[in-house]
Amino acid sequence: MNWILPAIVYAAGFVLVIWPAAYIIRKTTERWAPVVEPLNDEGLPDAGRLIGILERILVLIFVLLNQYQAIGFLIAAKSILRFGERDGDHRRKQTEYVLVGTLMSFTLAIIIGIIVQFTVNHL
């Protein structure tokens, strides 16, 4: 029975990084979507949303495992990929839009991870 409460707290953490975090990021960045959408002439439908969910799950796992250096590696890898696909100044708005979403995503996942870790440690 000692594992039930921590399991609930961990599950709540994963639920929080998937749905409420996505909603917060979407609501915060939606004012820029009309400016960025015309620039988004390529890419898979909803791929950015799935990437955001997966990166928050990974960041949460890394926080819970105290592997903060892996978060840095993930940020660096994503930055290299994003930098490589930019082909000029006309993509600056889209890059800034993605960067705001990415930083919010990582920040929310880290905060939720720290709260989950603290809560489990103090049960």
PDB file of N, CA and C in Angstrom:
ATOM      1  N   MET A   1       0.804  -1.207   0.000  1.00  0.00           N
ATOM      2  CA  MET A   1       0.000   0.000   0.000  1.00  0.00           C
ATOM      3  C   MET A   1       0.847   1.272   0.000  1.00  0.00           C
ATOM      4  N   ASN A   2       2.100   1.173   0.367  1.00  0.00           N
ATOM      5  CA  ASN A   2       2.963   2.356   0.426  1.00  0.00           C
ATOM      6  C   ASN A   2       3.241   2.956  -0.950  1.00  0.00           C
ATOM      7  N   TRP A   3       3.026   2.205  -1.982  1.00  0.00           N
ATOM      8  CA  TRP A   3       3.349   2.679  -3.322  1.00  0.00           C
ATOM      9  C   TRP A   3       2.167   3.380  -3.991  1.00  0.00           C
ATOM     10  N   ILE A   4       0.968   3.288  -3.434  1.00  0.00           N
ATOM     11  CA  ILE A   4      -0.219   3.825  -4.100  1.00  0.00           C
ATOM     12  C   ILE A   4      -0.183   5.352  -4.192  1.00  0.00           C
ATOM     13  N   LEU A   5       0.104   6.025  -3.093  1.00  0.00           N
ATOM     14  CA  LEU A   5       0.138   7.493  -3.118  1.00  0.00           C
ATOM     15  C   LEU A   5       1.219   8.030  -4.056  1.00  0.00           C
ATOM     16  N   PRO A   6       2.469   7.521  -3.957  1.00  0.00           N
ATOM     17  CA  PRO A   6       3.466   7.996  -4.921  1.00  0.00           C
ATOM     18  C   PRO A   6       3.068   7.722  -6.371  1.00  0.00           C
ATOM     19  N   ALA A   7       2.445   6.567  -6.635  1.00  0.00           N
ATOM     20  CA  ALA A   7       2.015   6.254  -8.003  1.00  0.00           C
ATOM     21  C   ALA A   7       0.976   7.261  -8.487  1.00  0.00           C
ATOM     22  N   ILE A   8       0.070   7.657  -7.599  1.00  0.00           N
ATOM     23  CA  ILE A   8      -0.938   8.656  -7.963  1.00  0.00           C
ATOM     24  C   ILE A   8      -0.281  10.003  -8.257  1.00  0.00           C
ATOM     25  N   VAL A   9       0.697  10.380  -7.440  1.00  0.00           N
ATOM     26  CA  VAL A   9       1.402  11.654  -7.641  1.00  0.00           C
ATOM     27  C   VAL A   9       2.177  11.634  -8.959  1.00  0.00           C
ATOM     28  N   TYR A  10       2.873  10.531  -9.245  1.00  0.00           N
ATOM     29  CA  TYR A  10       3.588  10.419 -10.521  1.00  0.00           C
ATOM     30  C   TYR A  10       2.622  10.486 -11.703  1.00  0.00           C
ATOM     31  N   ALA A  11       1.522   9.749 -11.611  1.00  0.00           N
ATOM     32  CA  ALA A  11       0.526   9.762 -12.692  1.00  0.00           C
ATOM     33  C   ALA A  11      -0.028  11.165 -12.895  1.00  0.00           C
ATOM     34  N   ALA A  12      -0.303  11.871 -11.797  1.00  0.00           N
ATOM     35  CA  ALA A  12      -0.797  13.245 -11.892  1.00  0.00           C
ATOM     36  C   ALA A  12       0.226  14.140 -12.590  1.00  0.00           C
ATOM     37  N   GLY A  13       1.502  13.936 -12.299  1.00  0.00           N
ATOM     38  CA  GLY A  13       2.552  14.709 -12.953  1.00  0.00           C
ATOM     39  C   GLY A  13       2.547  14.508 -14.455  1.00  0.00           C
ATOM     40  N   PHE A  14       2.412  13.261 -14.896  1.00  0.00           N
ATOM     41  CA  PHE A  14       2.380  12.984 -16.332  1.00  0.00           C
ATOM     42  C   PHE A  14       1.127  13.555 -16.980  1.00  0.00           C
ATOM     43  N   VAL A  15       0.001  13.463 -16.290  1.00  0.00           N
ATOM     44  CA  VAL A  15      -1.228  14.051 -16.826  1.00  0.00           C
ATOM     45  C   VAL A  15      -1.067  15.564 -16.971  1.00  0.00           C
ATOM     46  N   LEU A  16      -0.468  16.201 -15.965  1.00  0.00           N
ATOM     47  CA  LEU A  16      -0.276  17.660 -16.003  1.00  0.00           C
ATOM     48  C   LEU A  16       0.628  18.099 -17.149  1.00  0.00           C
ATOM     49  N   VAL A  17       1.716  17.355 -17.413  1.00  0.00           N
ATOM     50  CA  VAL A  17       2.618  17.778 -18.493  1.00  0.00           C
ATOM     51  C   VAL A  17       2.038  17.496 -19.872  1.00  0.00           C
ATOM     52  N   ILE A  18       1.036  16.627 -19.941  1.00  0.00           N
ATOM     53  CA  ILE A  18       0.459  16.334 -21.251  1.00  0.00           C
ATOM     54  C   ILE A  18      -0.648  17.329 -21.599  1.00  0.00           C
ATOM     55  N   TRP A  19      -1.704  17.413 -20.770  1.00  0.00           N
ATOM     56  CA  TRP A  19      -2.862  18.221 -21.170  1.00  0.00           C
ATOM     57  C   TRP A  19      -2.856  19.653 -20.660  1.00  0.00           C
ATOM     58  N   PRO A  20      -2.840  19.913 -19.379  1.00  0.00           N
ATOM     59  CA  PRO A  20      -2.896  21.328 -18.956  1.00  0.00           C
ATOM     60  C   PRO A  20      -1.710  22.144 -19.469  1.00  0.00           C
ATOM     61  N   ALA A  21      -0.529  21.552 -19.503  1.00  0.00           N
ATOM     62  CA  ALA A  21       0.642  22.283 -20.004  1.00  0.00           C
ATOM     63  C   ALA A  21       0.453  22.658 -21.467  1.00  0.00           C
ATOM     64  N   ALA A  22      -0.060  21.735 -22.265  1.00  0.00           N
ATOM     65  CA  ALA A  22      -0.303  22.022 -23.687  1.00  0.00           C
ATOM     66  C   ALA A  22      -1.313  23.153 -23.839  1.00  0.00           C
ATOM     67  N   TYR A  23      -2.346  23.137 -23.017  1.00  0.00           N
ATOM     68  CA  TYR A  23      -3.369  24.184 -23.066  1.00  0.00           C
ATOM     69  C   TYR A  23      -2.763  25.543 -22.713  1.00  0.00           C
ATOM     70  N   ILE A  24      -1.961  25.585 -21.660  1.00  0.00           N
ATOM     71  CA  ILE A  24      -1.319  26.842 -21.234  1.00  0.00           C
ATOM     72  C   ILE A  24      -0.427  27.386 -22.346  1.00  0.00           C
ATOM     73  N   ILE A  25       0.367  26.519 -22.940  1.00  0.00           N
ATOM     74  CA  ILE A  25       1.267  26.951 -24.011  1.00  0.00           C
ATOM     75  C   ILE A  25       0.468  27.446 -25.215  1.00  0.00           C
ATOM     76  N   ARG A  26      -0.567  26.694 -25.600  1.00  0.00           N
ATOM     77  CA  ARG A  26      -1.391  27.087 -26.744  1.00  0.00           C
ATOM     78  C   ARG A  26      -2.067  28.438 -26.501  1.00  0.00           C
ATOM     79  N   LYS A  27      -2.649  28.642 -25.315  1.00  0.00           N
ATOM     80  CA  LYS A  27      -3.327  29.903 -25.008  1.00  0.00           C
ATOM     81  C   LYS A  27      -2.338  31.070 -24.968  1.00  0.00           C
ATOM     82  N   THR A  28      -1.146  30.826 -24.461  1.00  0.00           N
ATOM     83  CA  THR A  28      -0.151  31.893 -24.368  1.00  0.00           C
ATOM     84  C   THR A  28       0.387  32.296 -25.737  1.00  0.00           C
ATOM     85  N   THR A  29       0.529  31.346 -26.628  1.00  0.00           N
ATOM     86  CA  THR A  29       1.132  31.636 -27.935  1.00  0.00           C
ATOM     87  C   THR A  29       0.120  31.863 -29.051  1.00  0.00           C
ATOM     88  N   GLU A  30      -1.179  31.717 -28.763  1.00  0.00           N
ATOM     89  CA  GLU A  30      -2.173  31.817 -29.841  1.00  0.00           C
ATOM     90  C   GLU A  30      -2.240  33.202 -30.479  1.00  0.00           C
ATOM     91  N   ARG A  31      -1.830  34.231 -29.755  1.00  0.00           N
ATOM     92  CA  ARG A  31      -1.880  35.576 -30.346  1.00  0.00           C
ATOM     93  C   ARG A  31      -0.893  35.724 -31.498  1.00  0.00           C
ATOM     94  N   TRP A  32       0.147  34.871 -31.525  1.00  0.00           N
ATOM     95  CA  TRP A  32       1.131  34.936 -32.604  1.00  0.00           C
ATOM     96  C   TRP A  32       0.826  33.966 -33.737  1.00  0.00           C
ATOM     97  N   ALA A  33      -0.096  33.044 -33.522  1.00  0.00           N
ATOM     98  CA  ALA A  33      -0.399  32.021 -34.533  1.00  0.00           C
ATOM     99  C   ALA A  33      -0.801  32.622 -35.882  1.00  0.00           C
ATOM    100  N   PRO A  34      -1.651  33.677 -35.934  1.00  0.00           N
ATOM    101  CA  PRO A  34      -2.009  34.233 -37.250  1.00  0.00           C
ATOM    102  C   PRO A  34      -0.815  34.777 -38.031  1.00  0.00           C
ATOM    103  N   VAL A  35       0.206  35.213 -37.324  1.00  0.00           N
ATOM    104  CA  VAL A  35       1.397  35.738 -37.988  1.00  0.00           C
ATOM    105  C   VAL A  35       2.263  34.600 -38.502  1.00  0.00           C
ATOM    106  N   VAL A  36       2.310  33.504 -37.748  1.00  0.00           N
ATOM    107  CA  VAL A  36       3.212  32.402 -38.056  1.00  0.00           C
ATOM    108  C   VAL A  36       2.589  31.397 -39.022  1.00  0.00           C
ATOM    109  N   GLU A  37       1.290  31.186 -38.957  1.00  0.00           N
ATOM    110  CA  GLU A  37       0.634  30.168 -39.777  1.00  0.00           C
ATOM    111  C   GLU A  37       0.925  30.304 -41.271  1.00  0.00           C
ATOM    112  N   PRO A  38       0.888  31.512 -41.842  1.00  0.00           N
ATOM    113  CA  PRO A  38       1.197  31.611 -43.281  1.00  0.00           C
ATOM    114  C   PRO A  38       2.618  31.156 -43.626  1.00  0.00           C
ATOM    115  N   LEU A  39       3.526  31.207 -42.649  1.00  0.00           N
ATOM    116  CA  LEU A  39       4.902  30.781 -42.891  1.00  0.00           C
ATOM    117  C   LEU A  39       5.045  29.266 -42.825  1.00  0.00           C
ATOM    118  N   ASN A  40       4.069  28.619 -42.229  1.00  0.00           N
ATOM    119  CA  ASN A  40       4.134  27.180 -42.006  1.00  0.00           C
ATOM    120  C   ASN A  40       3.605  26.438 -43.233  1.00  0.00           C
ATOM    121  N   ASP A  41       4.352  26.486 -44.321  1.00  0.00           N
ATOM    122  CA  ASP A  41       3.900  25.887 -45.570  1.00  0.00           C
ATOM    123  C   ASP A  41       4.340  24.441 -45.721  1.00  0.00           C
ATOM    124  N   GLU A  42       5.046  23.928 -44.756  1.00  0.00           N
ATOM    125  CA  GLU A  42       5.489  22.546 -44.823  1.00  0.00           C
ATOM    126  C   GLU A  42       5.460  21.951 -43.426  1.00  0.00           C
ATOM    127  N   GLY A  43       5.530  20.667 -43.354  1.00  0.00           N
ATOM    128  CA  GLY A  43       5.525  20.005 -42.062  1.00  0.00           C
ATOM    129  C   GLY A  43       4.302  19.111 -41.914  1.00  0.00           C
ATOM    130  N   LEU A  44       4.400  18.229 -40.974  1.00  0.00           N
ATOM    131  CA  LEU A  44       3.324  17.274 -40.728  1.00  0.00           C
ATOM    132  C   LEU A  44       2.239  17.899 -39.866  1.00  0.00           C
ATOM    133  N   PRO A  45       0.984  17.586 -40.141  1.00  0.00           N
ATOM    134  CA  PRO A  45      -0.101  18.118 -39.318  1.00  0.00           C
ATOM    135  C   PRO A  45       0.022  17.621 -37.875  1.00  0.00           C
ATOM    136  N   ASP A  46      -0.098  18.531 -36.927  1.00  0.00           N
ATOM    137  CA  ASP A  46      -0.051  18.237 -35.492  1.00  0.00           C
ATOM    138  C   ASP A  46       1.277  17.663 -35.004  1.00  0.00           C
ATOM    139  N   ALA A  47       2.304  17.679 -35.824  1.00  0.00           N
ATOM    140  CA  ALA A  47       3.598  17.146 -35.391  1.00  0.00           C
ATOM    141  C   ALA A  47       4.190  17.991 -34.266  1.00  0.00           C
ATOM    142  N   GLY A  48       4.030  19.305 -34.344  1.00  0.00           N
ATOM    143  CA  GLY A  48       4.558  20.177 -33.294  1.00  0.00           C
ATOM    144  C   GLY A  48       3.914  19.896 -31.953  1.00  0.00           C
ATOM    145  N   ARG A  49       2.621  19.632 -31.963  1.00  0.00           N
ATOM    146  CA  ARG A  49       1.905  19.316 -30.723  1.00  0.00           C
ATOM    147  C   ARG A  49       2.442  18.019 -30.124  1.00  0.00           C
ATOM    148  N   LEU A  50       2.631  16.992 -30.951  1.00  0.00           N
ATOM    149  CA  LEU A  50       3.146  15.719 -30.475  1.00  0.00           C
ATOM    150  C   LEU A  50       4.586  15.855 -29.981  1.00  0.00           C
ATOM    151  N   ILE A  51       5.387  16.624 -30.696  1.00  0.00           N
ATOM    152  CA  ILE A  51       6.766  16.862 -30.261  1.00  0.00           C
ATOM    153  C   ILE A  51       6.770  17.526 -28.888  1.00  0.00           C
ATOM    154  N   GLY A  52       5.893  18.506 -28.684  1.00  0.00           N
ATOM    155  CA  GLY A  52       5.806  19.182 -27.388  1.00  0.00           C
ATOM    156  C   GLY A  52       5.432  18.233 -26.266  1.00  0.00           C
ATOM    157  N   ILE A  53       4.454  17.374 -26.517  1.00  0.00           N
ATOM    158  CA  ILE A  53       4.038  16.397 -25.501  1.00  0.00           C
ATOM    159  C   ILE A  53       5.194  15.459 -25.167  1.00  0.00           C
ATOM    160  N   LEU A  54       5.844  14.940 -26.185  1.00  0.00           N
ATOM    161  CA  LEU A  54       6.953  14.004 -25.961  1.00  0.00           C
ATOM    162  C   LEU A  54       8.123  14.672 -25.244  1.00  0.00           C
ATOM    163  N   GLU A  55       8.421  15.921 -25.601  1.00  0.00           N
ATOM    164  CA  GLU A  55       9.543  16.581 -24.932  1.00  0.00           C
ATOM    165  C   GLU A  55       9.213  16.850 -23.469  1.00  0.00           C
ATOM    166  N   ARG A  56       7.960  17.211 -23.154  1.00  0.00           N
ATOM    167  CA  ARG A  56       7.589  17.420 -21.749  1.00  0.00           C
ATOM    168  C   ARG A  56       7.636  16.120 -20.957  1.00  0.00           C
ATOM    169  N   ILE A  57       7.212  15.025 -21.579  1.00  0.00           N
ATOM    170  CA  ILE A  57       7.301  13.724 -20.904  1.00  0.00           C
ATOM    171  C   ILE A  57       8.754  13.368 -20.628  1.00  0.00           C
ATOM    172  N   LEU A  58       9.621  13.556 -21.617  1.00  0.00           N
ATOM    173  CA  LEU A  58      11.051  13.276 -21.421  1.00  0.00           C
ATOM    174  C   LEU A  58      11.656  14.160 -20.333  1.00  0.00           C
ATOM    175  N   VAL A  59      11.333  15.440 -20.367  1.00  0.00           N
ATOM    176  CA  VAL A  59      11.874  16.354 -19.357  1.00  0.00           C
ATOM    177  C   VAL A  59      11.390  15.951 -17.970  1.00  0.00           C
ATOM    178  N   LEU A  60      10.124  15.603 -17.840  1.00  0.00           N
ATOM    179  CA  LEU A  60       9.609  15.152 -16.547  1.00  0.00           C
ATOM    180  C   LEU A  60      10.351  13.908 -16.070  1.00  0.00           C
ATOM    181  N   ILE A  61      10.546  12.944 -16.962  1.00  0.00           N
ATOM    182  CA  ILE A  61      11.291  11.729 -16.597  1.00  0.00           C
ATOM    183  C   ILE A  61      12.704  12.094 -16.150  1.00  0.00           C
ATOM    184  N   PHE A  62      13.370  12.991 -16.882  1.00  0.00           N
ATOM    185  CA  PHE A  62      14.729  13.385 -16.520  1.00  0.00           C
ATOM    186  C   PHE A  62      14.771  14.077 -15.160  1.00  0.00           C
ATOM    187  N   VAL A  63      13.801  14.922 -14.866  1.00  0.00           N
ATOM    188  CA  VAL A  63      13.753  15.589 -13.565  1.00  0.00           C
ATOM    189  C   VAL A  63      13.550  14.554 -12.461  1.00  0.00           C
ATOM    190  N   LEU A  64      12.623  13.639 -12.668  1.00  0.00           N
ATOM    191  CA  LEU A  64      12.336  12.625 -11.649  1.00  0.00           C
ATOM    192  C   LEU A  64      13.529  11.707 -11.416  1.00  0.00           C
ATOM    193  N   LEU A  65      14.369  11.536 -12.426  1.00  0.00           N
ATOM    194  CA  LEU A  65      15.575  10.724 -12.292  1.00  0.00           C
ATOM    195  C   LEU A  65      16.804  11.550 -11.910  1.00  0.00           C
ATOM    196  N   ASN A  66      16.601  12.854 -11.649  1.00  0.00           N
ATOM    197  CA  ASN A  66      17.702  13.778 -11.328  1.00  0.00           C
ATOM    198  C   ASN A  66      18.769  13.800 -12.418  1.00  0.00           C
ATOM    199  N   GLN A  67      18.345  13.741 -13.659  1.00  0.00           N
ATOM    200  CA  GLN A  67      19.250  13.771 -14.803  1.00  0.00           C
ATOM    201  C   GLN A  67      19.110  15.102 -15.539  1.00  0.00           C
ATOM    202  N   TYR A  68      19.450  16.171 -14.846  1.00  0.00           N
ATOM    203  CA  TYR A  68      19.282  17.504 -15.417  1.00  0.00           C
ATOM    204  C   TYR A  68      20.190  17.732 -16.625  1.00  0.00           C
ATOM    205  N   GLN A  69      21.329  17.067 -16.674  1.00  0.00           N
ATOM    206  CA  GLN A  69      22.212  17.218 -17.827  1.00  0.00           C
ATOM    207  C   GLN A  69      21.550  16.666 -19.085  1.00  0.00           C
ATOM    208  N   ALA A  70      20.678  15.684 -18.959  1.00  0.00           N
ATOM    209  CA  ALA A  70      19.966  15.155 -20.117  1.00  0.00           C
ATOM    210  C   ALA A  70      18.991  16.187 -20.679  1.00  0.00           C
ATOM    211  N   ILE A  71      18.441  17.029 -19.804  1.00  0.00           N
ATOM    212  CA  ILE A  71      17.563  18.106 -20.268  1.00  0.00           C
ATOM    213  C   ILE A  71      18.371  19.081 -21.117  1.00  0.00           C
ATOM    214  N   GLY A  72      19.566  19.399 -20.667  1.00  0.00           N
ATOM    215  CA  GLY A  72      20.448  20.265 -21.444  1.00  0.00           C
ATOM    216  C   GLY A  72      20.778  19.658 -22.795  1.00  0.00           C
ATOM    217  N   PHE A  73      21.017  18.360 -22.814  1.00  0.00           N
ATOM    218  CA  PHE A  73      21.287  17.670 -24.075  1.00  0.00           C
ATOM    219  C   PHE A  73      20.079  17.749 -25.001  1.00  0.00           C
ATOM    220  N   LEU A  74      18.890  17.565 -24.451  1.00  0.00           N
ATOM    221  CA  LEU A  74      17.657  17.630 -25.248  1.00  0.00           C
ATOM    222  C   LEU A  74      17.461  19.028 -25.834  1.00  0.00           C
ATOM    223  N   ILE A  75      17.706  20.060 -25.028  1.00  0.00           N
ATOM    224  CA  ILE A  75      17.605  21.441 -25.516  1.00  0.00           C
ATOM    225  C   ILE A  75      18.614  21.683 -26.637  1.00  0.00           C
ATOM    226  N   ALA A  76      19.850  21.221 -26.427  1.00  0.00           N
ATOM    227  CA  ALA A  76      20.893  21.412 -27.443  1.00  0.00           C
ATOM    228  C   ALA A  76      20.539  20.684 -28.738  1.00  0.00           C
ATOM    229  N   ALA A  77      20.063  19.455 -28.623  1.00  0.00           N
ATOM    230  CA  ALA A  77      19.707  18.682 -29.821  1.00  0.00           C
ATOM    231  C   ALA A  77      18.573  19.361 -30.581  1.00  0.00           C
ATOM    232  N   LYS A  78      17.569  19.825 -29.868  1.00  0.00           N
ATOM    233  CA  LYS A  78      16.443  20.486 -30.533  1.00  0.00           C
ATOM    234  C   LYS A  78      16.896  21.803 -31.164  1.00  0.00           C
ATOM    235  N   SER A  79      17.763  22.524 -30.494  1.00  0.00           N
ATOM    236  CA  SER A  79      18.269  23.787 -31.033  1.00  0.00           C
ATOM    237  C   SER A  79      19.051  23.572 -32.311  1.00  0.00           C
ATOM    238  N   ILE A  80      19.865  22.540 -32.345  1.00  0.00           N
ATOM    239  CA  ILE A  80      20.644  22.244 -33.547  1.00  0.00           C
ATOM    240  C   ILE A  80      19.721  21.910 -34.706  1.00  0.00           C
ATOM    241  N   LEU A  81      18.695  21.105 -34.441  1.00  0.00           N
ATOM    242  CA  LEU A  81      17.745  20.752 -35.502  1.00  0.00           C
ATOM    243  C   LEU A  81      16.998  21.981 -35.999  1.00  0.00           C
ATOM    244  N   ARG A  82      16.543  22.830 -35.095  1.00  0.00           N
ATOM    245  CA  ARG A  82      15.798  24.029 -35.491  1.00  0.00           C
ATOM    246  C   ARG A  82      16.708  25.003 -36.231  1.00  0.00           C
ATOM    247  N   PHE A  83      17.965  25.147 -35.785  1.00  0.00           N
ATOM    248  CA  PHE A  83      18.884  26.064 -36.438  1.00  0.00           C
ATOM    249  C   PHE A  83      19.170  25.596 -37.859  1.00  0.00           C
ATOM    250  N   GLY A  84      19.309  24.293 -38.036  1.00  0.00           N
ATOM    251  CA  GLY A  84      19.634  23.744 -39.344  1.00  0.00           C
ATOM    252  C   GLY A  84      18.540  23.924 -40.377  1.00  0.00           C
ATOM    253  N   GLU A  85      17.289  24.054 -39.939  1.00  0.00           N
ATOM    254  CA  GLU A  85      16.200  24.164 -40.905  1.00  0.00           C
ATOM    255  C   GLU A  85      15.831  25.600 -41.247  1.00  0.00           C
ATOM    256  N   ARG A  86      16.430  26.571 -40.628  1.00  0.00           N
ATOM    257  CA  ARG A  86      16.129  27.983 -40.918  1.00  0.00           C
ATOM    258  C   ARG A  86      16.931  28.425 -42.122  1.00  0.00           C
ATOM    259  N   ASP A  87      16.250  29.098 -43.052  1.00  0.00           N
ATOM    260  CA  ASP A  87      16.936  29.477 -44.288  1.00  0.00           C
ATOM    261  C   ASP A  87      16.888  30.974 -44.565  1.00  0.00           C
ATOM    262  N   GLY A  88      16.703  31.782 -43.567  1.00  0.00           N
ATOM    263  CA  GLY A  88      16.735  33.217 -43.800  1.00  0.00           C
ATOM    264  C   GLY A  88      15.955  33.992 -42.771  1.00  0.00           C
ATOM    265  N   ASP A  89      15.994  35.311 -42.935  1.00  0.00           N
ATOM    266  CA  ASP A  89      15.341  36.201 -41.981  1.00  0.00           C
ATOM    267  C   ASP A  89      13.821  36.089 -42.002  1.00  0.00           C
ATOM    268  N   HIS A  90      13.232  35.648 -43.123  1.00  0.00           N
ATOM    269  CA  HIS A  90      11.776  35.551 -43.194  1.00  0.00           C
ATOM    270  C   HIS A  90      11.225  34.477 -42.258  1.00  0.00           C
ATOM    271  N   ARG A  91      12.086  33.646 -41.719  1.00  0.00           N
ATOM    272  CA  ARG A  91      11.661  32.604 -40.773  1.00  0.00           C
ATOM    273  C   ARG A  91      11.882  33.019 -39.313  1.00  0.00           C
ATOM    274  N   ARG A  92      12.305  34.236 -39.095  1.00  0.00           N
ATOM    275  CA  ARG A  92      12.595  34.681 -37.730  1.00  0.00           C
ATOM    276  C   ARG A  92      11.361  34.601 -36.827  1.00  0.00           C
ATOM    277  N   LYS A  93      10.214  35.039 -37.331  1.00  0.00           N
ATOM    278  CA  LYS A  93       8.989  35.008 -36.531  1.00  0.00           C
ATOM    279  C   LYS A  93       8.617  33.579 -36.157  1.00  0.00           C
ATOM    280  N   GLN A  94       8.739  32.680 -37.117  1.00  0.00           N
ATOM    281  CA  GLN A  94       8.414  31.286 -36.835  1.00  0.00           C
ATOM    282  C   GLN A  94       9.402  30.698 -35.822  1.00  0.00           C
ATOM    283  N   THR A  95      10.672  31.030 -35.946  1.00  0.00           N
ATOM    284  CA  THR A  95      11.682  30.548 -35.003  1.00  0.00           C
ATOM    285  C   THR A  95      11.401  31.078 -33.605  1.00  0.00           C
ATOM    286  N   GLU A  96      11.063  32.356 -33.497  1.00  0.00           N
ATOM    287  CA  GLU A  96      10.753  32.931 -32.183  1.00  0.00           C
ATOM    288  C   GLU A  96       9.507  32.280 -31.584  1.00  0.00           C
ATOM    289  N   TYR A  97       8.509  32.023 -32.404  1.00  0.00           N
ATOM    290  CA  TYR A  97       7.279  31.363 -31.972  1.00  0.00           C
ATOM    291  C   TYR A  97       7.589  29.973 -31.406  1.00  0.00           C
ATOM    292  N   VAL A  98       8.387  29.209 -32.126  1.00  0.00           N
ATOM    293  CA  VAL A  98       8.760  27.866 -31.683  1.00  0.00           C
ATOM    294  C   VAL A  98       9.613  27.948 -30.425  1.00  0.00           C
ATOM    295  N   LEU A  99      10.502  28.911 -30.352  1.00  0.00           N
ATOM    296  CA  LEU A  99      11.362  29.057 -29.182  1.00  0.00           C
ATOM    297  C   LEU A  99      10.556  29.399 -27.932  1.00  0.00           C
ATOM    298  N   VAL A 100       9.578  30.286 -28.059  1.00  0.00           N
ATOM    299  CA  VAL A 100       8.712  30.617 -26.913  1.00  0.00           C
ATOM    300  C   VAL A 100       7.980  29.362 -26.446  1.00  0.00           C
ATOM    301  N   GLY A 101       7.401  28.623 -27.386  1.00  0.00           N
ATOM    302  CA  GLY A 101       6.695  27.391 -27.030  1.00  0.00           C
ATOM    303  C   GLY A 101       7.607  26.362 -26.393  1.00  0.00           C
ATOM    304  N   THR A 102       8.805  26.215 -26.930  1.00  0.00           N
ATOM    305  CA  THR A 102       9.766  25.243 -26.401  1.00  0.00           C
ATOM    306  C   THR A 102      10.195  25.607 -24.988  1.00  0.00           C
ATOM    307  N   LEU A 103      10.531  26.876 -24.772  1.00  0.00           N
ATOM    308  CA  LEU A 103      10.970  27.291 -23.435  1.00  0.00           C
ATOM    309  C   LEU A 103       9.848  27.161 -22.415  1.00  0.00           C
ATOM    310  N   MET A 104       8.625  27.494 -22.819  1.00  0.00           N
ATOM    311  CA  MET A 104       7.483  27.303 -21.920  1.00  0.00           C
ATOM    312  C   MET A 104       7.289  25.824 -21.622  1.00  0.00           C
ATOM    313  N   SER A 105       7.426  24.990 -22.632  1.00  0.00           N
ATOM    314  CA  SER A 105       7.253  23.553 -22.480  1.00  0.00           C
ATOM    315  C   SER A 105       8.259  22.985 -21.483  1.00  0.00           C
ATOM    316  N   PHE A 106       9.519  23.327 -21.660  1.00  0.00           N
ATOM    317  CA  PHE A 106      10.567  22.844 -20.765  1.00  0.00           C
ATOM    318  C   PHE A 106      10.368  23.391 -19.350  1.00  0.00           C
ATOM    319  N   THR A 107      10.037  24.662 -19.241  1.00  0.00           N
ATOM    320  CA  THR A 107       9.854  25.273 -17.929  1.00  0.00           C
ATOM    321  C   THR A 107       8.713  24.618 -17.167  1.00  0.00           C
ATOM    322  N   LEU A 108       7.580  24.440 -17.824  1.00  0.00           N
ATOM    323  CA  LEU A 108       6.440  23.803 -17.155  1.00  0.00           C
ATOM    324  C   LEU A 108       6.765  22.376 -16.733  1.00  0.00           C
ATOM    325  N   ALA A 109       7.437  21.630 -17.607  1.00  0.00           N
ATOM    326  CA  ALA A 109       7.785  20.248 -17.278  1.00  0.00           C
ATOM    327  C   ALA A 109       8.763  20.184 -16.103  1.00  0.00           C
ATOM    328  N   ILE A 110       9.725  21.090 -16.066  1.00  0.00           N
ATOM    329  CA  ILE A 110      10.684  21.111 -14.947  1.00  0.00           C
ATOM    330  C   ILE A 110       9.982  21.467 -13.651  1.00  0.00           C
ATOM    331  N   ILE A 111       9.131  22.481 -13.681  1.00  0.00           N
ATOM    332  CA  ILE A 111       8.407  22.891 -12.468  1.00  0.00           C
ATOM    333  C   ILE A 111       7.509  21.752 -11.972  1.00  0.00           C
ATOM    334  N   ILE A 112       6.766  21.129 -12.867  1.00  0.00           N
ATOM    335  CA  ILE A 112       5.904  20.016 -12.476  1.00  0.00           C
ATOM    336  C   ILE A 112       6.743  18.867 -11.925  1.00  0.00           C
ATOM    337  N   GLY A 113       7.867  18.578 -12.562  1.00  0.00           N
ATOM    338  CA  GLY A 113       8.748  17.514 -12.085  1.00  0.00           C
ATOM    339  C   GLY A 113       9.278  17.780 -10.691  1.00  0.00           C
ATOM    340  N   ILE A 114       9.682  19.017 -10.426  1.00  0.00           N
ATOM    341  CA  ILE A 114      10.187  19.368  -9.096  1.00  0.00           C
ATOM    342  C   ILE A 114       9.078  19.246  -8.056  1.00  0.00           C
ATOM    343  N   ILE A 115       7.872  19.687  -8.410  1.00  0.00           N
ATOM    344  CA  ILE A 115       6.740  19.577  -7.480  1.00  0.00           C
ATOM    345  C   ILE A 115       6.410  18.113  -7.205  1.00  0.00           C
ATOM    346  N   VAL A 116       6.390  17.285  -8.243  1.00  0.00           N
ATOM    347  CA  VAL A 116       6.115  15.856  -8.065  1.00  0.00           C
ATOM    348  C   VAL A 116       7.187  15.222  -7.182  1.00  0.00           C
ATOM    349  N   GLN A 117       8.439  15.504  -7.483  1.00  0.00           N
ATOM    350  CA  GLN A 117       9.548  14.942  -6.710  1.00  0.00           C
ATOM    351  C   GLN A 117       9.462  15.369  -5.242  1.00  0.00           C
ATOM    352  N   PHE A 118       9.204  16.637  -4.999  1.00  0.00           N
ATOM    353  CA  PHE A 118       9.075  17.149  -3.641  1.00  0.00           C
ATOM    354  C   PHE A 118       7.919  16.461  -2.908  1.00  0.00           C
ATOM    355  N   THR A 119       6.789  16.342  -3.598  1.00  0.00           N
ATOM    356  CA  THR A 119       5.603  15.740  -2.993  1.00  0.00           C
ATOM    357  C   THR A 119       5.849  14.276  -2.631  1.00  0.00           C
ATOM    358  N   VAL A 120       6.438  13.522  -3.541  1.00  0.00           N
ATOM    359  CA  VAL A 120       6.715  12.109  -3.280  1.00  0.00           C
ATOM    360  C   VAL A 120       7.713  11.965  -2.127  1.00  0.00           C
ATOM    361  N   ASN A 121       8.706  12.818  -2.085  1.00  0.00           N
ATOM    362  CA  ASN A 121       9.710  12.750  -1.012  1.00  0.00           C
ATOM    363  C   ASN A 121       9.138  13.102   0.355  1.00  0.00           C
ATOM    364  N   HIS A 122       8.021  13.805   0.376  1.00  0.00           N
ATOM    365  CA  HIS A 122       7.448  14.241   1.661  1.00  0.00           C
ATOM    366  C   HIS A 122       6.139  13.535   1.996  1.00  0.00           C
ATOM    367  N   LEU A 123       5.871  12.407   1.334  1.00  0.00           N
ATOM    368  CA  LEU A 123       4.677  11.634   1.681  1.00  0.00           C
ATOM    369  C   LEU A 123       4.931  10.804   2.925  1.00  0.00           C
TER     370      LEU A 123
END
